[in-house]
Every structure is written in C-alpha cells, then in structure tokens.
Amino acid sequence: MAKEEDKIRVEGTIVEALPATQFRVRLDNGHEVLAYLSGRMRKYYIRILLGDHVRVEMSPYDLTRGRIVYRQRKMGEPAALEE
C-alpha cells in the first residue's frame, strides 16, 4: 500500500454518479477517473452532487482510480459554525 506521502492529490469536477458511492470525476488536467467516497465522508454523510468540485487522492500505481477526500464549498453556502 502506498504511504501518505506517495499519494497524488488532484482536483476535479463530478461528471457522473454511479452506484455504491462511486463517481466519475473529470480532473482539471482533462483526464477522467473513477473515484469512491472516503470513509470519513461516508461517516458524516457528506453529499456529493453532479458539478461539485472535489479533491481526489490517487495512488501512483493506478492512475485510473481515486478516493474523494474533500468537497469544495460552493459560493453562497454557509460556513460551519466554529466554537
């Protein structure tokens, strides 16, 4: 398994929602990859919709698959309350 520092982090846009919390993501460089939702995003019920801008982690061994680790906030979306 690749170590944390070996991961490739890229950003892209969701273009298709597939079953089992998988998504087709078009990266900013034009490539499309199959990505799944990370465990924390499932745990906290983070919703991903078509057109959302996301951050994807990929292994250097398989550049066709990745894990969605962050969803960018949309303009006008309220920020979380911090205490």
PDB file of N, CA and C in Angstrom:
ATOM      1  N   MET A   1       0.842  -1.177   0.000  1.00  0.00           N
ATOM      2  CA  MET A   1       0.000   0.000   0.000  1.00  0.00           C
ATOM      3  C   MET A   1       0.891   1.245   0.000  1.00  0.00           C
ATOM      4  N   ALA A   2       0.500   2.238  -0.731  1.00  0.00           N
ATOM      5  CA  ALA A   2       1.289   3.457  -0.828  1.00  0.00           C
ATOM      6  C   ALA A   2       1.187   4.253   0.471  1.00  0.00           C
ATOM      7  N   LYS A   3       2.279   4.883   0.841  1.00  0.00           N
ATOM      8  CA  LYS A   3       2.297   5.702   2.045  1.00  0.00           C
ATOM      9  C   LYS A   3       1.607   7.026   1.767  1.00  0.00           C
ATOM     10  N   GLU A   4       1.322   7.747   2.853  1.00  0.00           N
ATOM     11  CA  GLU A   4       0.612   9.028   2.737  1.00  0.00           C
ATOM     12  C   GLU A   4       1.357  10.004   1.824  1.00  0.00           C
ATOM     13  N   GLU A   5       2.685  10.039   1.921  1.00  0.00           N
ATOM     14  CA  GLU A   5       3.429  10.991   1.096  1.00  0.00           C
ATOM     15  C   GLU A   5       3.508  10.561  -0.363  1.00  0.00           C
ATOM     16  N   ASP A   6       3.170   9.304  -0.653  1.00  0.00           N
ATOM     17  CA  ASP A   6       3.192   8.819  -2.033  1.00  0.00           C
ATOM     18  C   ASP A   6       1.905   9.138  -2.791  1.00  0.00           C
ATOM     19  N   LYS A   7       0.872   9.583  -2.096  1.00  0.00           N
ATOM     20  CA  LYS A   7      -0.407   9.862  -2.738  1.00  0.00           C
ATOM     21  C   LYS A   7      -0.299  11.077  -3.650  1.00  0.00           C
ATOM     22  N   ILE A   8      -1.031  11.020  -4.748  1.00  0.00           N
ATOM     23  CA  ILE A   8      -1.108  12.142  -5.683  1.00  0.00           C
ATOM     24  C   ILE A   8      -2.444  12.835  -5.428  1.00  0.00           C
ATOM     25  N   ARG A   9      -2.401  14.125  -5.106  1.00  0.00           N
ATOM     26  CA  ARG A   9      -3.631  14.874  -4.834  1.00  0.00           C
ATOM     27  C   ARG A   9      -3.933  15.775  -6.028  1.00  0.00           C
ATOM     28  N   VAL A  10      -5.140  15.620  -6.579  1.00  0.00           N
ATOM     29  CA  VAL A  10      -5.570  16.430  -7.718  1.00  0.00           C
ATOM     30  C   VAL A  10      -6.988  16.909  -7.454  1.00  0.00           C
ATOM     31  N   GLU A  11      -7.427  17.887  -8.229  1.00  0.00           N
ATOM     32  CA  GLU A  11      -8.785  18.395  -8.091  1.00  0.00           C
ATOM     33  C   GLU A  11      -9.533  18.186  -9.391  1.00  0.00           C
ATOM     34  N   GLY A  12     -10.857  18.069  -9.269  1.00  0.00           N
ATOM     35  CA  GLY A  12     -11.673  17.846 -10.448  1.00  0.00           C
ATOM     36  C   GLY A  12     -13.138  18.108 -10.166  1.00  0.00           C
ATOM     37  N   THR A  13     -13.977  17.769 -11.145  1.00  0.00           N
ATOM     38  CA  THR A  13     -15.412  18.013 -11.071  1.00  0.00           C
ATOM     39  C   THR A  13     -16.159  16.710 -11.294  1.00  0.00           C
ATOM     40  N   ILE A  14     -17.214  16.487 -10.518  1.00  0.00           N
ATOM     41  CA  ILE A  14     -18.040  15.291 -10.652  1.00  0.00           C
ATOM     42  C   ILE A  14     -18.839  15.394 -11.948  1.00  0.00           C
ATOM     43  N   VAL A  15     -18.739  14.372 -12.809  1.00  0.00           N
ATOM     44  CA  VAL A  15     -19.487  14.383 -14.062  1.00  0.00           C
ATOM     45  C   VAL A  15     -20.536  13.279 -14.119  1.00  0.00           C
ATOM     46  N   GLU A  16     -20.417  12.255 -13.257  1.00  0.00           N
ATOM     47  CA  GLU A  16     -21.389  11.160 -13.272  1.00  0.00           C
ATOM     48  C   GLU A  16     -21.411  10.497 -11.903  1.00  0.00           C
ATOM     49  N   ALA A  17     -22.612  10.199 -11.408  1.00  0.00           N
ATOM     50  CA  ALA A  17     -22.775   9.468 -10.153  1.00  0.00           C
ATOM     51  C   ALA A  17     -23.098   8.019 -10.482  1.00  0.00           C
ATOM     52  N   LEU A  18     -22.366   7.103  -9.882  1.00  0.00           N
ATOM     53  CA  LEU A  18     -22.523   5.672 -10.119  1.00  0.00           C
ATOM     54  C   LEU A  18     -22.992   4.996  -8.830  1.00  0.00           C
ATOM     55  N   PRO A  19     -23.452   3.747  -8.905  1.00  0.00           N
ATOM     56  CA  PRO A  19     -23.881   3.049  -7.685  1.00  0.00           C
ATOM     57  C   PRO A  19     -22.718   2.835  -6.711  1.00  0.00           C
ATOM     58  N   ALA A  20     -23.063   2.541  -5.467  1.00  0.00           N
ATOM     59  CA  ALA A  20     -22.104   2.204  -4.408  1.00  0.00           C
ATOM     60  C   ALA A  20     -21.157   3.363  -4.110  1.00  0.00           C
ATOM     61  N   THR A  21     -21.674   4.563  -4.044  1.00  0.00           N
ATOM     62  CA  THR A  21     -20.915   5.790  -3.744  1.00  0.00           C
ATOM     63  C   THR A  21     -19.652   5.924  -4.590  1.00  0.00           C
ATOM     64  N   GLN A  22     -19.780   5.603  -5.870  1.00  0.00           N
ATOM     65  CA  GLN A  22     -18.681   5.826  -6.801  1.00  0.00           C
ATOM     66  C   GLN A  22     -19.075   6.934  -7.764  1.00  0.00           C
ATOM     67  N   PHE A  23     -18.071   7.653  -8.240  1.00  0.00           N
ATOM     68  CA  PHE A  23     -18.311   8.799  -9.103  1.00  0.00           C
ATOM     69  C   PHE A  23     -17.273   8.827 -10.211  1.00  0.00           C
ATOM     70  N   ARG A  24     -17.669   9.375 -11.364  1.00  0.00           N
ATOM     71  CA  ARG A  24     -16.712   9.642 -12.426  1.00  0.00           C
ATOM     72  C   ARG A  24     -16.329  11.112 -12.276  1.00  0.00           C
ATOM     73  N   VAL A  25     -15.032  11.363 -12.181  1.00  0.00           N
ATOM     74  CA  VAL A  25     -14.514  12.706 -11.919  1.00  0.00           C
ATOM     75  C   VAL A  25     -13.647  13.138 -13.092  1.00  0.00           C
ATOM     76  N   ARG A  26     -13.924  14.330 -13.634  1.00  0.00           N
ATOM     77  CA  ARG A  26     -13.067  14.909 -14.673  1.00  0.00           C
ATOM     78  C   ARG A  26     -12.064  15.815 -13.961  1.00  0.00           C
ATOM     79  N   LEU A  27     -10.799  15.428 -14.048  1.00  0.00           N
ATOM     80  CA  LEU A  27      -9.746  16.182 -13.381  1.00  0.00           C
ATOM     81  C   LEU A  27      -9.477  17.485 -14.120  1.00  0.00           C
ATOM     82  N   ASP A  28      -8.821  18.404 -13.440  1.00  0.00           N
ATOM     83  CA  ASP A  28      -8.515  19.699 -14.046  1.00  0.00           C
ATOM     84  C   ASP A  28      -7.595  19.573 -15.254  1.00  0.00           C
ATOM     85  N   ASN A  29      -6.836  18.464 -15.340  1.00  0.00           N
ATOM     86  CA  ASN A  29      -5.955  18.266 -16.496  1.00  0.00           C
ATOM     87  C   ASN A  29      -6.670  17.576 -17.657  1.00  0.00           C
ATOM     88  N   GLY A  30      -7.981  17.278 -17.525  1.00  0.00           N
ATOM     89  CA  GLY A  30      -8.764  16.713 -18.613  1.00  0.00           C
ATOM     90  C   GLY A  30      -9.013  15.221 -18.531  1.00  0.00           C
ATOM     91  N   HIS A  31      -8.266  14.491 -17.722  1.00  0.00           N
ATOM     92  CA  HIS A  31      -8.462  13.050 -17.590  1.00  0.00           C
ATOM     93  C   HIS A  31      -9.704  12.753 -16.756  1.00  0.00           C
ATOM     94  N   GLU A  32     -10.310  11.585 -16.986  1.00  0.00           N
ATOM     95  CA  GLU A  32     -11.443  11.141 -16.172  1.00  0.00           C
ATOM     96  C   GLU A  32     -11.030   9.918 -15.381  1.00  0.00           C
ATOM     97  N   VAL A  33     -11.396   9.891 -14.096  1.00  0.00           N
ATOM     98  CA  VAL A  33     -11.062   8.767 -13.227  1.00  0.00           C
ATOM     99  C   VAL A  33     -12.319   8.305 -12.500  1.00  0.00           C
ATOM    100  N   LEU A  34     -12.288   7.062 -12.046  1.00  0.00           N
ATOM    101  CA  LEU A  34     -13.350   6.501 -11.227  1.00  0.00           C
ATOM    102  C   LEU A  34     -12.938   6.695  -9.778  1.00  0.00           C
ATOM    103  N   ALA A  35     -13.771   7.360  -8.978  1.00  0.00           N
ATOM    104  CA  ALA A  35     -13.409   7.662  -7.598  1.00  0.00           C
ATOM    105  C   ALA A  35     -14.522   7.224  -6.656  1.00  0.00           C
ATOM    106  N   TYR A  36     -14.113   6.803  -5.467  1.00  0.00           N
ATOM    107  CA  TYR A  36     -15.078   6.422  -4.439  1.00  0.00           C
ATOM    108  C   TYR A  36     -14.984   7.410  -3.284  1.00  0.00           C
ATOM    109  N   LEU A  37     -16.009   7.408  -2.449  1.00  0.00           N
ATOM    110  CA  LEU A  37     -16.097   8.325  -1.326  1.00  0.00           C
ATOM    111  C   LEU A  37     -15.267   7.801  -0.162  1.00  0.00           C
ATOM    112  N   SER A  38     -14.495   8.652   0.481  1.00  0.00           N
ATOM    113  CA  SER A  38     -13.668   8.223   1.610  1.00  0.00           C
ATOM    114  C   SER A  38     -14.552   7.876   2.810  1.00  0.00           C
ATOM    115  N   GLY A  39     -13.985   7.140   3.741  1.00  0.00           N
ATOM    116  CA  GLY A  39     -14.727   6.673   4.911  1.00  0.00           C
ATOM    117  C   GLY A  39     -15.281   7.793   5.764  1.00  0.00           C
ATOM    118  N   ARG A  40     -14.504   8.846   5.985  1.00  0.00           N
ATOM    119  CA  ARG A  40     -14.994   9.955   6.807  1.00  0.00           C
ATOM    120  C   ARG A  40     -16.141  10.685   6.130  1.00  0.00           C
ATOM    121  N   MET A  41     -16.084  10.793   4.804  1.00  0.00           N
ATOM    122  CA  MET A  41     -17.171  11.467   4.097  1.00  0.00           C
ATOM    123  C   MET A  41     -18.444  10.634   4.181  1.00  0.00           C
ATOM    124  N   ARG A  42     -18.324   9.312   4.162  1.00  0.00           N
ATOM    125  CA  ARG A  42     -19.495   8.450   4.357  1.00  0.00           C
ATOM    126  C   ARG A  42     -20.016   8.574   5.776  1.00  0.00           C
ATOM    127  N   LYS A  43     -19.097   8.565   6.738  1.00  0.00           N
ATOM    128  CA  LYS A  43     -19.461   8.609   8.160  1.00  0.00           C
ATOM    129  C   LYS A  43     -20.265   9.866   8.491  1.00  0.00           C
ATOM    130  N   TYR A  44     -19.844  11.006   7.950  1.00  0.00           N
ATOM    131  CA  TYR A  44     -20.508  12.268   8.254  1.00  0.00           C
ATOM    132  C   TYR A  44     -21.542  12.666   7.204  1.00  0.00           C
ATOM    133  N   TYR A  45     -21.921  11.734   6.334  1.00  0.00           N
ATOM    134  CA  TYR A  45     -22.985  11.937   5.341  1.00  0.00           C
ATOM    135  C   TYR A  45     -22.753  13.180   4.481  1.00  0.00           C
ATOM    136  N   ILE A  46     -21.535  13.361   4.006  1.00  0.00           N
ATOM    137  CA  ILE A  46     -21.234  14.466   3.095  1.00  0.00           C
ATOM    138  C   ILE A  46     -21.833  14.121   1.738  1.00  0.00           C
ATOM    139  N   ARG A  47     -22.702  14.968   1.240  1.00  0.00           N
ATOM    140  CA  ARG A  47     -23.375  14.707  -0.028  1.00  0.00           C
ATOM    141  C   ARG A  47     -22.552  15.243  -1.189  1.00  0.00           C
ATOM    142  N   ILE A  48     -22.461  14.444  -2.235  1.00  0.00           N
ATOM    143  CA  ILE A  48     -21.746  14.828  -3.448  1.00  0.00           C
ATOM    144  C   ILE A  48     -22.755  14.844  -4.589  1.00  0.00           C
ATOM    145  N   LEU A  49     -22.811  15.951  -5.320  1.00  0.00           N
ATOM    146  CA  LEU A  49     -23.751  16.101  -6.428  1.00  0.00           C
ATOM    147  C   LEU A  49     -22.986  16.363  -7.721  1.00  0.00           C
ATOM    148  N   LEU A  50     -23.676  16.183  -8.841  1.00  0.00           N
ATOM    149  CA  LEU A  50     -23.060  16.481 -10.138  1.00  0.00           C
ATOM    150  C   LEU A  50     -22.618  17.939 -10.172  1.00  0.00           C
ATOM    151  N   GLY A  51     -21.442  18.179 -10.688  1.00  0.00           N
ATOM    152  CA  GLY A  51     -20.927  19.534 -10.784  1.00  0.00           C
ATOM    153  C   GLY A  51     -20.113  19.984  -9.585  1.00  0.00           C
ATOM    154  N   ASP A  52     -20.099  19.215  -8.498  1.00  0.00           N
ATOM    155  CA  ASP A  52     -19.310  19.588  -7.323  1.00  0.00           C
ATOM    156  C   ASP A  52     -17.822  19.514  -7.643  1.00  0.00           C
ATOM    157  N   HIS A  53     -17.075  20.433  -7.091  1.00  0.00           N
ATOM    158  CA  HIS A  53     -15.616  20.455  -7.250  1.00  0.00           C
ATOM    159  C   HIS A  53     -15.025  19.710  -6.062  1.00  0.00           C
ATOM    160  N   VAL A  54     -14.215  18.683  -6.311  1.00  0.00           N
ATOM    161  CA  VAL A  54     -13.710  17.812  -5.251  1.00  0.00           C
ATOM    162  C   VAL A  54     -12.194  17.655  -5.340  1.00  0.00           C
ATOM    163  N   ARG A  55     -11.601  17.227  -4.216  1.00  0.00           N
ATOM    164  CA  ARG A  55     -10.181  16.871  -4.174  1.00  0.00           C
ATOM    165  C   ARG A  55     -10.091  15.354  -4.139  1.00  0.00           C
ATOM    166  N   VAL A  56      -9.236  14.788  -4.987  1.00  0.00           N
ATOM    167  CA  VAL A  56      -9.108  13.336  -5.129  1.00  0.00           C
ATOM    168  C   VAL A  56      -7.675  12.929  -4.812  1.00  0.00           C
ATOM    169  N   GLU A  57      -7.532  11.846  -4.032  1.00  0.00           N
ATOM    170  CA  GLU A  57      -6.219  11.251  -3.793  1.00  0.00           C
ATOM    171  C   GLU A  57      -6.094  10.026  -4.673  1.00  0.00           C
ATOM    172  N   MET A  58      -4.938   9.888  -5.333  1.00  0.00           N
ATOM    173  CA  MET A  58      -4.713   8.753  -6.225  1.00  0.00           C
ATOM    174  C   MET A  58      -3.396   8.086  -5.879  1.00  0.00           C
ATOM    175  N   SER A  59      -3.333   6.786  -6.101  1.00  0.00           N
ATOM    176  CA  SER A  59      -2.099   6.037  -5.913  1.00  0.00           C
ATOM    177  C   SER A  59      -1.250   6.172  -7.175  1.00  0.00           C
ATOM    178  N   PRO A  60       0.052   6.243  -7.040  1.00  0.00           N
ATOM    179  CA  PRO A  60       0.892   6.313  -8.246  1.00  0.00           C
ATOM    180  C   PRO A  60       0.879   5.016  -9.046  1.00  0.00           C
ATOM    181  N   TYR A  61       0.342   3.940  -8.466  1.00  0.00           N
ATOM    182  CA  TYR A  61       0.322   2.646  -9.144  1.00  0.00           C
ATOM    183  C   TYR A  61      -0.884   2.473 -10.062  1.00  0.00           C
ATOM    184  N   ASP A  62      -1.989   3.179  -9.780  1.00  0.00           N
ATOM    185  CA  ASP A  62      -3.193   3.075 -10.613  1.00  0.00           C
ATOM    186  C   ASP A  62      -3.778   4.470 -10.779  1.00  0.00           C
ATOM    187  N   LEU A  63      -3.512   5.088 -11.899  1.00  0.00           N
ATOM    188  CA  LEU A  63      -3.955   6.463 -12.131  1.00  0.00           C
ATOM    189  C   LEU A  63      -5.348   6.545 -12.736  1.00  0.00           C
ATOM    190  N   THR A  64      -6.093   5.426 -12.754  1.00  0.00           N
ATOM    191  CA  THR A  64      -7.463   5.447 -13.268  1.00  0.00           C
ATOM    192  C   THR A  64      -8.489   5.439 -12.143  1.00  0.00           C
ATOM    193  N   ARG A  65      -8.041   5.285 -10.896  1.00  0.00           N
ATOM    194  CA  ARG A  65      -8.944   5.236  -9.745  1.00  0.00           C
ATOM    195  C   ARG A  65      -8.451   6.188  -8.666  1.00  0.00           C
ATOM    196  N   GLY A  66      -9.394   6.632  -7.832  1.00  0.00           N
ATOM    197  CA  GLY A  66      -9.009   7.536  -6.756  1.00  0.00           C
ATOM    198  C   GLY A  66     -10.028   7.537  -5.635  1.00  0.00           C
ATOM    199  N   ARG A  67      -9.724   8.300  -4.592  1.00  0.00           N
ATOM    200  CA  ARG A  67     -10.601   8.421  -3.430  1.00  0.00           C
ATOM    201  C   ARG A  67     -10.924   9.896  -3.232  1.00  0.00           C
ATOM    202  N   ILE A  68     -12.211  10.224  -3.137  1.00  0.00           N
ATOM    203  CA  ILE A  68     -12.643  11.601  -2.908  1.00  0.00           C
ATOM    204  C   ILE A  68     -12.468  11.897  -1.423  1.00  0.00           C
ATOM    205  N   VAL A  69     -11.653  12.905  -1.106  1.00  0.00           N
ATOM    206  CA  VAL A  69     -11.361  13.208   0.290  1.00  0.00           C
ATOM    207  C   VAL A  69     -11.895  14.568   0.734  1.00  0.00           C
ATOM    208  N   TYR A  70     -12.330  15.418  -0.197  1.00  0.00           N
ATOM    209  CA  TYR A  70     -12.799  16.750   0.185  1.00  0.00           C
ATOM    210  C   TYR A  70     -13.715  17.297  -0.897  1.00  0.00           C
ATOM    211  N   ARG A  71     -14.798  17.945  -0.471  1.00  0.00           N
ATOM    212  CA  ARG A  71     -15.703  18.635  -1.400  1.00  0.00           C
ATOM    213  C   ARG A  71     -15.555  20.121  -1.165  1.00  0.00           C
ATOM    214  N   GLN A  72     -15.260  20.874  -2.225  1.00  0.00           N
ATOM    215  CA  GLN A  72     -15.101  22.322  -2.113  1.00  0.00           C
ATOM    216  C   GLN A  72     -16.450  22.963  -1.823  1.00  0.00           C
ATOM    217  N   ARG A  73     -16.432  23.998  -1.024  1.00  0.00           N
ATOM    218  CA  ARG A  73     -17.668  24.743  -0.742  1.00  0.00           C
ATOM    219  C   ARG A  73     -18.083  25.532  -1.977  1.00  0.00           C
ATOM    220  N   LYS A  74     -19.392  25.621  -2.166  1.00  0.00           N
ATOM    221  CA  LYS A  74     -19.912  26.429  -3.272  1.00  0.00           C
ATOM    222  C   LYS A  74     -20.082  27.861  -2.796  1.00  0.00           C
ATOM    223  N   MET A  75     -20.110  28.791  -3.723  1.00  0.00           N
ATOM    224  CA  MET A  75     -20.313  30.188  -3.368  1.00  0.00           C
ATOM    225  C   MET A  75     -21.712  30.348  -2.782  1.00  0.00           C
ATOM    226  N   GLY A  76     -21.818  31.089  -1.696  1.00  0.00           N
ATOM    227  CA  GLY A  76     -23.114  31.319  -1.069  1.00  0.00           C
ATOM    228  C   GLY A  76     -23.506  30.246  -0.075  1.00  0.00           C
ATOM    229  N   GLU A  77     -22.699  29.208   0.071  1.00  0.00           N
ATOM    230  CA  GLU A  77     -23.001  28.148   1.023  1.00  0.00           C
ATOM    231  C   GLU A  77     -22.531  28.598   2.406  1.00  0.00           C
ATOM    232  N   PRO A  78     -23.369  28.460   3.440  1.00  0.00           N
ATOM    233  CA  PRO A  78     -22.961  28.932   4.769  1.00  0.00           C
ATOM    234  C   PRO A  78     -21.805  28.106   5.320  1.00  0.00           C
ATOM    235  N   ALA A  79     -20.900  28.772   6.012  1.00  0.00           N
ATOM    236  CA  ALA A  79     -19.761  28.084   6.628  1.00  0.00           C
ATOM    237  C   ALA A  79     -20.214  27.409   7.915  1.00  0.00           C
ATOM    238  N   ALA A  80     -19.512  26.376   8.322  1.00  0.00           N
ATOM    239  CA  ALA A  80     -19.839  25.675   9.563  1.00  0.00           C
ATOM    240  C   ALA A  80     -19.553  26.590  10.747  1.00  0.00           C
ATOM    241  N   LEU A  81     -20.373  26.489  11.769  1.00  0.00           N
ATOM    242  CA  LEU A  81     -20.177  27.285  12.974  1.00  0.00           C
ATOM    243  C   LEU A  81     -19.024  26.708  13.775  1.00  0.00           C
ATOM    244  N   GLU A  82     -18.100  27.554  14.167  1.00  0.00           N
ATOM    245  CA  GLU A  82     -16.970  27.109  14.973  1.00  0.00           C
ATOM    246  C   GLU A  82     -17.098  27.716  16.355  1.00  0.00           C
ATOM    247  N   GLU A  83     -16.826  26.913  17.366  1.00  0.00           N
ATOM    248  CA  GLU A  83     -16.931  27.402  18.746  1.00  0.00           C
ATOM    249  C   GLU A  83     -15.587  27.451  19.399  1.00  0.00           C
TER     250      GLU A  83
END
